[in-house]
PDB file of N, CA and C in Angstrom:
ATOM      1  N   MET A   1      20.235 -62.961-201.111  1.00  0.00           N
ATOM      2  CA  MET A   1      19.035 -62.527-201.811  1.00  0.00           C
ATOM      3  C   MET A   1      19.403 -62.152-203.236  1.00  0.00           C
ATOM      4  N   SER A   2      18.748 -62.779-204.182  1.00  0.00           N
ATOM      5  CA  SER A   2      19.061 -62.510-205.612  1.00  0.00           C
ATOM      6  C   SER A   2      18.207 -61.322-206.084  1.00  0.00           C
ATOM      7  N   PRO A   3      18.759 -60.540-207.010  1.00  0.00           N
ATOM      8  CA  PRO A   3      17.985 -59.393-207.536  1.00  0.00           C
ATOM      9  C   PRO A   3      16.811 -59.854-208.358  1.00  0.00           C
ATOM     10  N   ASP A   4      15.745 -59.065-208.309  1.00  0.00           N
ATOM     11  CA  ASP A   4      14.547 -59.380-209.087  1.00  0.00           C
ATOM     12  C   ASP A   4      14.827 -59.072-210.564  1.00  0.00           C
ATOM     13  N   LYS A   5      14.430 -60.010-211.431  1.00  0.00           N
ATOM     14  CA  LYS A   5      14.717 -59.873-212.865  1.00  0.00           C
ATOM     15  C   LYS A   5      14.011 -58.675-213.484  1.00  0.00           C
ATOM     16  N   ILE A   6      12.795 -58.380-212.992  1.00  0.00           N
ATOM     17  CA  ILE A   6      12.053 -57.240-213.546  1.00  0.00           C
ATOM     18  C   ILE A   6      12.714 -55.913-213.123  1.00  0.00           C
ATOM     19  N   GLU A   7      13.225 -55.843-211.908  1.00  0.00           N
ATOM     20  CA  GLU A   7      13.918 -54.626-211.467  1.00  0.00           C
ATOM     21  C   GLU A   7      15.201 -54.424-212.272  1.00  0.00           C
ATOM     22  N   VAL A   8      15.924 -55.475-212.548  1.00  0.00           N
ATOM     23  CA  VAL A   8      17.161 -55.388-213.334  1.00  0.00           C
ATOM     24  C   VAL A   8      16.834 -54.952-214.764  1.00  0.00           C
ATOM     25  N   ALA A   9      15.754 -55.522-215.344  1.00  0.00           N
ATOM     26  CA  ALA A   9      15.368 -55.132-216.688  1.00  0.00           C
ATOM     27  C   ALA A   9      14.885 -53.677-216.728  1.00  0.00           C
ATOM     28  N   GLY A  10      14.181 -53.246-215.716  1.00  0.00           N
ATOM     29  CA  GLY A  10      13.720 -51.861-215.646  1.00  0.00           C
ATOM     30  C   GLY A  10      14.882 -50.903-215.481  1.00  0.00           C
ATOM     31  N   LEU A  11      15.895 -51.303-214.680  1.00  0.00           N
ATOM     32  CA  LEU A  11      17.066 -50.481-214.530  1.00  0.00           C
ATOM     33  C   LEU A  11      17.845 -50.373-215.850  1.00  0.00           C
ATOM     34  N   ALA A  12      17.945 -51.463-216.586  1.00  0.00           N
ATOM     35  CA  ALA A  12      18.654 -51.446-217.876  1.00  0.00           C
ATOM     36  C   ALA A  12      17.932 -50.585-218.879  1.00  0.00           C
ATOM     37  N   VAL A  13      16.592 -50.705-218.960  1.00  0.00           N
ATOM     38  CA  VAL A  13      15.804 -49.877-219.886  1.00  0.00           C
ATOM     39  C   VAL A  13      15.923 -48.390-219.483  1.00  0.00           C
ATOM     40  N   SER A  14      15.867 -48.094-218.233  1.00  0.00           N
ATOM     41  CA  SER A  14      15.993 -46.711-217.768  1.00  0.00           C
ATOM     42  C   SER A  14      17.353 -46.132-218.122  1.00  0.00           C
ATOM     43  N   LEU A  15      18.395 -46.897-217.925  1.00  0.00           N
ATOM     44  CA  LEU A  15      19.746 -46.409-218.244  1.00  0.00           C
ATOM     45  C   LEU A  15      19.886 -46.194-219.744  1.00  0.00           C
ATOM     46  N   MET A  16      19.311 -47.090-220.553  1.00  0.00           N
ATOM     47  CA  MET A  16      19.377 -46.902-222.016  1.00  0.00           C
ATOM     48  C   MET A  16      18.613 -45.659-222.442  1.00  0.00           C
ATOM     49  N   ALA A  17      17.479 -45.417-221.799  1.00  0.00           N
ATOM     50  CA  ALA A  17      16.688 -44.221-222.157  1.00  0.00           C
ATOM     51  C   ALA A  17      17.423 -42.934-221.784  1.00  0.00           C
ATOM     52  N   ILE A  18      18.079 -42.933-220.623  1.00  0.00           N
ATOM     53  CA  ILE A  18      18.829 -41.766-220.180  1.00  0.00           C
ATOM     54  C   ILE A  18      20.012 -41.521-221.133  1.00  0.00           C
ATOM     55  N   ILE A  19      20.704 -42.591-221.485  1.00  0.00           N
ATOM     56  CA  ILE A  19      21.860 -42.446-222.409  1.00  0.00           C
ATOM     57  C   ILE A  19      21.375 -41.948-223.755  1.00  0.00           C
ATOM     58  N   ALA A  20      20.248 -42.495-224.262  1.00  0.00           N
ATOM     59  CA  ALA A  20      19.705 -42.049-225.562  1.00  0.00           C
ATOM     60  C   ALA A  20      19.299 -40.580-225.497  1.00  0.00           C
ATOM     61  N   ALA A  21      18.740 -40.131-224.364  1.00  0.00           N
ATOM     62  CA  ALA A  21      18.328 -38.740-224.227  1.00  0.00           C
ATOM     63  C   ALA A  21      19.570 -37.835-224.222  1.00  0.00           C
ATOM     64  N   PHE A  22      20.635 -38.226-223.518  1.00  0.00           N
ATOM     65  CA  PHE A  22      21.849 -37.412-223.510  1.00  0.00           C
ATOM     66  C   PHE A  22      22.495 -37.356-224.889  1.00  0.00           C
ATOM     67  N   ILE A  23      22.465 -38.473-225.627  1.00  0.00           N
ATOM     68  CA  ILE A  23      23.028 -38.481-226.973  1.00  0.00           C
ATOM     69  C   ILE A  23      22.212 -37.575-227.863  1.00  0.00           C
ATOM     70  N   PHE A  24      20.866 -37.645-227.768  1.00  0.00           N
ATOM     71  CA  PHE A  24      20.022 -36.769-228.559  1.00  0.00           C
ATOM     72  C   PHE A  24      20.248 -35.303-228.244  1.00  0.00           C
ATOM     73  N   ILE A  25      20.358 -35.001-226.988  1.00  0.00           N
ATOM     74  CA  ILE A  25      20.545 -33.611-226.594  1.00  0.00           C
ATOM     75  C   ILE A  25      21.909 -33.093-227.057  1.00  0.00           C
ATOM     76  N   SER A  26      22.926 -33.907-226.965  1.00  0.00           N
ATOM     77  CA  SER A  26      24.259 -33.477-227.367  1.00  0.00           C
ATOM     78  C   SER A  26      24.411 -33.350-228.907  1.00  0.00           C
ATOM     79  N   GLN A  27      23.660 -34.152-229.673  1.00  0.00           N
ATOM     80  CA  GLN A  27      23.758 -34.108-231.119  1.00  0.00           C
ATOM     81  C   GLN A  27      22.848 -33.108-231.803  1.00  0.00           C
ATOM     82  N   ALA A  28      21.704 -32.821-231.164  1.00  0.00           N
ATOM     83  CA  ALA A  28      20.733 -31.931-231.800  1.00  0.00           C
ATOM     84  C   ALA A  28      20.818 -30.535-231.149  1.00  0.00           C
ATOM     85  N   SER A  29      20.623 -29.546-231.956  1.00  0.00           N
ATOM     86  CA  SER A  29      20.592 -28.186-231.443  1.00  0.00           C
ATOM     87  C   SER A  29      19.146 -27.788-231.187  1.00  0.00           C
ATOM     88  N   PHE A  30      18.972 -26.860-230.340  1.00  0.00           N
ATOM     89  CA  PHE A  30      17.622 -26.351-230.032  1.00  0.00           C
ATOM     90  C   PHE A  30      17.503 -24.975-230.663  1.00  0.00           C
ATOM     91  N   PRO A  31      16.889 -24.858-231.831  1.00  0.00           N
ATOM     92  CA  PRO A  31      16.838 -23.573-232.553  1.00  0.00           C
ATOM     93  C   PRO A  31      16.032 -22.513-231.850  1.00  0.00           C
ATOM     94  N   ALA A  32      15.166 -22.900-230.918  1.00  0.00           N
ATOM     95  CA  ALA A  32      14.351 -21.913-230.223  1.00  0.00           C
ATOM     96  C   ALA A  32      15.230 -20.952-229.420  1.00  0.00           C
ATOM     97  N   PHE A  33      16.367 -21.441-228.916  1.00  0.00           N
ATOM     98  CA  PHE A  33      17.235 -20.606-228.087  1.00  0.00           C
ATOM     99  C   PHE A  33      18.005 -19.609-228.915  1.00  0.00           C
ATOM    100  N   THR A  34      18.132 -19.826-230.237  1.00  0.00           N
ATOM    101  CA  THR A  34      18.863 -18.876-231.056  1.00  0.00           C
ATOM    102  C   THR A  34      18.040 -17.592-231.253  1.00  0.00           C
ATOM    103  N   TYR A  35      16.739 -17.663-231.082  1.00  0.00           N
ATOM    104  CA  TYR A  35      15.895 -16.493-231.261  1.00  0.00           C
ATOM    105  C   TYR A  35      15.680 -15.712-229.982  1.00  0.00           C
ATOM    106  N   ALA A  36      16.252 -16.118-228.899  1.00  0.00           N
ATOM    107  CA  ALA A  36      16.008 -15.499-227.612  1.00  0.00           C
ATOM    108  C   ALA A  36      16.946 -14.260-227.479  1.00  0.00           C
ATOM    109  N   LYS A  37      16.602 -13.226-228.199  1.00  0.00           N
ATOM    110  CA  LYS A  37      17.335 -11.966-228.140  1.00  0.00           C
ATOM    111  C   LYS A  37      16.362 -10.894-227.740  1.00  0.00           C
ATOM    112  N   ASN A  38      16.862  -9.878-227.105  1.00  0.00           N
ATOM    113  CA  ASN A  38      15.998  -8.780-226.651  1.00  0.00           C
ATOM    114  C   ASN A  38      15.563  -7.891-227.817  1.00  0.00           C
ATOM    115  N   ASP A  39      16.368  -7.715-228.820  1.00  0.00           N
ATOM    116  CA  ASP A  39      16.043  -6.773-229.897  1.00  0.00           C
ATOM    117  C   ASP A  39      15.412  -7.423-231.092  1.00  0.00           C
ATOM    118  N   TRP A  40      15.095  -8.701-231.087  1.00  0.00           N
ATOM    119  CA  TRP A  40      14.594  -9.378-232.251  1.00  0.00           C
ATOM    120  C   TRP A  40      13.173  -9.881-231.975  1.00  0.00           C
ATOM    121  N   ILE A  41      12.223  -9.534-232.813  1.00  0.00           N
ATOM    122  CA  ILE A  41      10.833  -9.965-232.672  1.00  0.00           C
ATOM    123  C   ILE A  41      10.500 -10.801-233.889  1.00  0.00           C
ATOM    124  N   LYS A  42      10.159 -12.068-233.683  1.00  0.00           N
ATOM    125  CA  LYS A  42       9.870 -12.953-234.810  1.00  0.00           C
ATOM    126  C   LYS A  42       8.503 -12.695-235.407  1.00  0.00           C
ATOM    127  N   VAL A  43       7.497 -12.474-234.587  1.00  0.00           N
ATOM    128  CA  VAL A  43       6.140 -12.254-235.029  1.00  0.00           C
ATOM    129  C   VAL A  43       5.715 -10.875-234.529  1.00  0.00           C
ATOM    130  N   GLY A  44       5.362 -10.015-235.429  1.00  0.00           N
ATOM    131  CA  GLY A  44       4.910  -8.695-235.063  1.00  0.00           C
ATOM    132  C   GLY A  44       3.495  -8.745-234.472  1.00  0.00           C
ATOM    133  N   THR A  45       3.135  -7.770-233.655  1.00  0.00           N
ATOM    134  CA  THR A  45       1.809  -7.782-233.041  1.00  0.00           C
ATOM    135  C   THR A  45       0.702  -7.421-234.021  1.00  0.00           C
ATOM    136  N   SER A  46       1.050  -6.801-235.159  1.00  0.00           N
ATOM    137  CA  SER A  46       0.030  -6.446-236.122  1.00  0.00           C
ATOM    138  C   SER A  46      -0.276  -7.617-237.044  1.00  0.00           C
ATOM    139  N   GLU A  47       0.535  -8.649-237.053  1.00  0.00           N
ATOM    140  CA  GLU A  47       0.318  -9.787-237.899  1.00  0.00           C
ATOM    141  C   GLU A  47      -0.662 -10.791-237.280  1.00  0.00           C
ATOM    142  N   ASN A  48      -1.078 -11.736-238.070  1.00  0.00           N
ATOM    143  CA  ASN A  48      -1.964 -12.797-237.560  1.00  0.00           C
ATOM    144  C   ASN A  48      -1.160 -13.796-236.794  1.00  0.00           C
ATOM    145  N   VAL A  49      -1.211 -13.711-235.455  1.00  0.00           N
ATOM    146  CA  VAL A  49      -0.437 -14.563-234.589  1.00  0.00           C
ATOM    147  C   VAL A  49      -0.969 -15.974-234.587  1.00  0.00           C
ATOM    148  N   GLY A  50      -2.265 -16.155-234.708  1.00  0.00           N
ATOM    149  CA  GLY A  50      -2.880 -17.468-234.663  1.00  0.00           C
ATOM    150  C   GLY A  50      -2.365 -18.388-235.768  1.00  0.00           C
ATOM    151  N   SER A  51      -2.235 -17.873-236.959  1.00  0.00           N
ATOM    152  CA  SER A  51      -1.721 -18.732-238.056  1.00  0.00           C
ATOM    153  C   SER A  51      -0.261 -19.075-237.865  1.00  0.00           C
ATOM    154  N   GLU A  52       0.511 -18.181-237.299  1.00  0.00           N
ATOM    155  CA  GLU A  52       1.914 -18.490-237.011  1.00  0.00           C
ATOM    156  C   GLU A  52       2.067 -19.583-235.969  1.00  0.00           C
ATOM    157  N   ILE A  53       1.212 -19.528-234.951  1.00  0.00           N
ATOM    158  CA  ILE A  53       1.262 -20.575-233.900  1.00  0.00           C
ATOM    159  C   ILE A  53       0.831 -21.904-234.506  1.00  0.00           C
ATOM    160  N   ALA A  54      -0.227 -21.902-235.280  1.00  0.00           N
ATOM    161  CA  ALA A  54      -0.692 -23.141-235.895  1.00  0.00           C
ATOM    162  C   ALA A  54       0.375 -23.695-236.836  1.00  0.00           C
ATOM    163  N   ASN A  55       1.049 -22.833-237.585  1.00  0.00           N
ATOM    164  CA  ASN A  55       2.092 -23.259-238.471  1.00  0.00           C
ATOM    165  C   ASN A  55       3.250 -23.903-237.701  1.00  0.00           C
ATOM    166  N   PHE A  56       3.638 -23.311-236.583  1.00  0.00           N
ATOM    167  CA  PHE A  56       4.664 -23.873-235.746  1.00  0.00           C
ATOM    168  C   PHE A  56       4.280 -25.230-235.172  1.00  0.00           C
ATOM    169  N   MET A  57       3.047 -25.354-234.687  1.00  0.00           N
ATOM    170  CA  MET A  57       2.574 -26.620-234.099  1.00  0.00           C
ATOM    171  C   MET A  57       2.538 -27.736-235.158  1.00  0.00           C
ATOM    172  N   TRP A  58       2.128 -27.436-236.371  1.00  0.00           N
ATOM    173  CA  TRP A  58       2.066 -28.473-237.399  1.00  0.00           C
ATOM    174  C   TRP A  58       3.444 -28.806-237.949  1.00  0.00           C
ATOM    175  N   ASN A  59       4.340 -27.861-237.976  1.00  0.00           N
ATOM    176  CA  ASN A  59       5.685 -28.161-238.488  1.00  0.00           C
ATOM    177  C   ASN A  59       6.535 -28.942-237.494  1.00  0.00           C
ATOM    178  N   TYR A  60       6.289 -28.754-236.220  1.00  0.00           N
ATOM    179  CA  TYR A  60       7.068 -29.452-235.157  1.00  0.00           C
ATOM    180  C   TYR A  60       6.174 -30.453-234.442  1.00  0.00           C
ATOM    181  N   ARG A  61       5.317 -31.150-235.178  1.00  0.00           N
ATOM    182  CA  ARG A  61       4.385 -32.094-234.594  1.00  0.00           C
ATOM    183  C   ARG A  61       5.136 -33.308-234.037  1.00  0.00           C
ATOM    184  N   SER A  62       6.213 -33.729-234.633  1.00  0.00           N
ATOM    185  CA  SER A  62       6.951 -34.874-234.153  1.00  0.00           C
ATOM    186  C   SER A  62       7.523 -34.599-232.774  1.00  0.00           C
ATOM    187  N   LEU A  63       7.979 -33.400-232.539  1.00  0.00           N
ATOM    188  CA  LEU A  63       8.492 -33.040-231.212  1.00  0.00           C
ATOM    189  C   LEU A  63       7.408 -33.102-230.159  1.00  0.00           C
ATOM    190  N   ASP A  64       6.219 -32.633-230.539  1.00  0.00           N
ATOM    191  CA  ASP A  64       5.076 -32.661-229.626  1.00  0.00           C
ATOM    192  C   ASP A  64       4.682 -34.106-229.324  1.00  0.00           C
ATOM    193  N   LEU A  65       4.613 -34.967-230.332  1.00  0.00           N
ATOM    194  CA  LEU A  65       4.257 -36.350-230.097  1.00  0.00           C
ATOM    195  C   LEU A  65       5.293 -37.086-229.276  1.00  0.00           C
ATOM    196  N   LEU A  66       6.553 -36.780-229.493  1.00  0.00           N
ATOM    197  CA  LEU A  66       7.596 -37.426-228.703  1.00  0.00           C
ATOM    198  C   LEU A  66       7.475 -37.053-227.236  1.00  0.00           C
ATOM    199  N   ALA A  67       7.215 -35.774-226.964  1.00  0.00           N
ATOM    200  CA  ALA A  67       7.054 -35.331-225.585  1.00  0.00           C
ATOM    201  C   ALA A  67       5.827 -35.988-224.938  1.00  0.00           C
ATOM    202  N   GLN A  68       4.748 -36.096-225.685  1.00  0.00           N
ATOM    203  CA  GLN A  68       3.556 -36.780-225.136  1.00  0.00           C
ATOM    204  C   GLN A  68       3.839 -38.228-224.829  1.00  0.00           C
ATOM    205  N   ALA A  69       4.555 -38.904-225.718  1.00  0.00           N
ATOM    206  CA  ALA A  69       4.839 -40.329-225.479  1.00  0.00           C
ATOM    207  C   ALA A  69       5.715 -40.522-224.239  1.00  0.00           C
ATOM    208  N   ILE A  70       6.690 -39.640-224.038  1.00  0.00           N
ATOM    209  CA  ILE A  70       7.526 -39.733-222.884  1.00  0.00           C
ATOM    210  C   ILE A  70       6.734 -39.485-221.617  1.00  0.00           C
ATOM    211  N   ILE A  71       5.847 -38.499-221.617  1.00  0.00           N
ATOM    212  CA  ILE A  71       5.020 -38.214-220.454  1.00  0.00           C
ATOM    213  C   ILE A  71       4.084 -39.379-220.172  1.00  0.00           C
ATOM    214  N   LEU A  72       3.466 -39.935-221.180  1.00  0.00           N
ATOM    215  CA  LEU A  72       2.557 -41.079-220.964  1.00  0.00           C
ATOM    216  C   LEU A  72       3.318 -42.294-220.437  1.00  0.00           C
ATOM    217  N   PHE A  73       4.519 -42.563-220.961  1.00  0.00           N
ATOM    218  CA  PHE A  73       5.314 -43.694-220.488  1.00  0.00           C
ATOM    219  C   PHE A  73       5.710 -43.481-219.037  1.00  0.00           C
ATOM    220  N   GLY A  74       6.111 -42.266-218.700  1.00  0.00           N
ATOM    221  CA  GLY A  74       6.454 -41.953-217.323  1.00  0.00           C
ATOM    222  C   GLY A  74       5.262 -42.111-216.376  1.00  0.00           C
ATOM    223  N   ALA A  75       4.085 -41.686-216.804  1.00  0.00           N
ATOM    224  CA  ALA A  75       2.895 -41.821-215.995  1.00  0.00           C
ATOM    225  C   ALA A  75       2.543 -43.278-215.778  1.00  0.00           C
ATOM    226  N   ALA A  76       2.617 -44.057-216.848  1.00  0.00           N
ATOM    227  CA  ALA A  76       2.325 -45.499-216.728  1.00  0.00           C
ATOM    228  C   ALA A  76       3.321 -46.213-215.805  1.00  0.00           C
ATOM    229  N   ALA A  77       4.579 -45.883-215.968  1.00  0.00           N
ATOM    230  CA  ALA A  77       5.575 -46.488-215.071  1.00  0.00           C
ATOM    231  C   ALA A  77       5.381 -46.089-213.609  1.00  0.00           C
ATOM    232  N   GLY A  78       5.017 -44.842-213.404  1.00  0.00           N
ATOM    233  CA  GLY A  78       4.719 -44.399-212.032  1.00  0.00           C
ATOM    234  C   GLY A  78       3.521 -45.110-211.426  1.00  0.00           C
ATOM    235  N   CYS A  79       2.445 -45.278-212.237  1.00  0.00           N
ATOM    236  CA  CYS A  79       1.282 -45.978-211.723  1.00  0.00           C
ATOM    237  C   CYS A  79       1.597 -47.449-211.444  1.00  0.00           C
ATOM    238  N   LEU A  80       2.363 -48.073-212.266  1.00  0.00           N
ATOM    239  CA  LEU A  80       2.754 -49.448-212.018  1.00  0.00           C
ATOM    240  C   LEU A  80       3.609 -49.569-210.752  1.00  0.00           C
ATOM    241  N   ALA A  81       4.476 -48.596-210.549  1.00  0.00           N
ATOM    242  CA  ALA A  81       5.325 -48.604-209.360  1.00  0.00           C
ATOM    243  C   ALA A  81       4.488 -48.397-208.087  1.00  0.00           C
ATOM    244  N   ILE A  82       3.499 -47.531-208.169  1.00  0.00           N
ATOM    245  CA  ILE A  82       2.655 -47.277-206.975  1.00  0.00           C
ATOM    246  C   ILE A  82       1.736 -48.473-206.687  1.00  0.00           C
ATOM    247  N   LEU A  83       1.200 -49.056-207.716  1.00  0.00           N
ATOM    248  CA  LEU A  83       0.195 -50.165-207.547  1.00  0.00           C
ATOM    249  C   LEU A  83       0.810 -51.549-207.516  1.00  0.00           C
ATOM    250  N   ARG A  84       2.110 -51.639-207.499  1.00  0.00           N
ATOM    251  CA  ARG A  84       2.777 -52.953-207.512  1.00  0.00           C
ATOM    252  C   ARG A  84       2.471 -53.668-206.210  1.00  0.00           C
ATOM    253  N   GLU A  85       2.169 -54.940-206.345  1.00  0.00           N
ATOM    254  CA  GLU A  85       1.879 -55.779-205.187  1.00  0.00           C
ATOM    255  C   GLU A  85       3.172 -56.346-204.639  1.00  0.00           C
ATOM    256  N   GLU A  86       3.379 -56.135-203.361  1.00  0.00           N
ATOM    257  CA  GLU A  86       4.591 -56.676-202.740  1.00  0.00           C
ATOM    258  C   GLU A  86       4.276 -58.081-202.216  1.00  0.00           C
ATOM    259  N   ARG A  87       5.250 -58.988-202.413  1.00  0.00           N
ATOM    260  CA  ARG A  87       5.065 -60.373-201.979  1.00  0.00           C
ATOM    261  C   ARG A  87       5.939 -60.594-200.735  1.00  0.00           C
ATOM    262  N   GLU A  88       5.354 -61.355-199.847  1.00  0.00           N
ATOM    263  CA  GLU A  88       6.100 -61.726-198.644  1.00  0.00           C
ATOM    264  C   GLU A  88       6.781 -63.042-198.929  1.00  0.00           C
ATOM    265  N   GLU A  89       8.055 -63.109-198.603  1.00  0.00           N
ATOM    266  CA  GLU A  89       8.737 -64.374-198.758  1.00  0.00           C
ATOM    267  C   GLU A  89       8.565 -65.199-197.475  1.00  0.00           C
ATOM    268  N   LYS A  90       8.030 -66.405-197.667  1.00  0.00           N
ATOM    269  CA  LYS A  90       7.771 -67.278-196.537  1.00  0.00           C
ATOM    270  C   LYS A  90       8.982 -68.214-196.378  1.00  0.00           C
ATOM    271  N   PRO A  91       9.382 -68.417-195.155  1.00  0.00           N
ATOM    272  CA  PRO A  91      10.470 -69.362-194.908  1.00  0.00           C
ATOM    273  C   PRO A  91      10.049 -70.796-195.244  1.00  0.00           C
ATOM    274  N   HIS A  92      10.933 -71.544-195.798  1.00  0.00           N
ATOM    275  CA  HIS A  92      10.627 -72.936-196.172  1.00  0.00           C
ATOM    276  C   HIS A  92      10.744 -73.823-194.916  1.00  0.00           C
ATOM    277  N   ASP A  93       9.712 -74.664-194.755  1.00  0.00           N
ATOM    278  CA  ASP A  93       9.769 -75.586-193.614  1.00  0.00           C
ATOM    279  C   ASP A  93      10.433 -76.864-194.043  1.00  0.00           C
ATOM    280  N   ARG A  94      11.553 -77.180-193.491  1.00  0.00           N
ATOM    281  CA  ARG A  94      12.244 -78.411-193.826  1.00  0.00           C
ATOM    282  C   ARG A  94      12.317 -79.297-192.580  1.00  0.00           C
ATOM    283  N   THR A  95      11.342 -80.159-192.492  1.00  0.00           N
ATOM    284  CA  THR A  95      11.318 -81.065-191.316  1.00  0.00           C
ATOM    285  C   THR A  95      11.487 -82.504-191.721  1.00  0.00           C
TER     286      THR A  95
END
């Protein structure tokens, strides 16, 4: 039985995506974790918190869009996997 070309291509794309994610994670730092200290408050409660949140969302919009694209791609791949039509292989009649 020969492997299905679509399954092999999907496996190759998945492996490339995993490798790219590991490379990205190893090369980029996550600055949000540097502020996770008990004694440090970035935004005071007396300040306008809404404008700070909006400022953060607009400054890191590319990160938000990247996460949305990954989620949508994963959802589409999952739907295709669930709704994929399986084919029955019929034996060849050689008489």
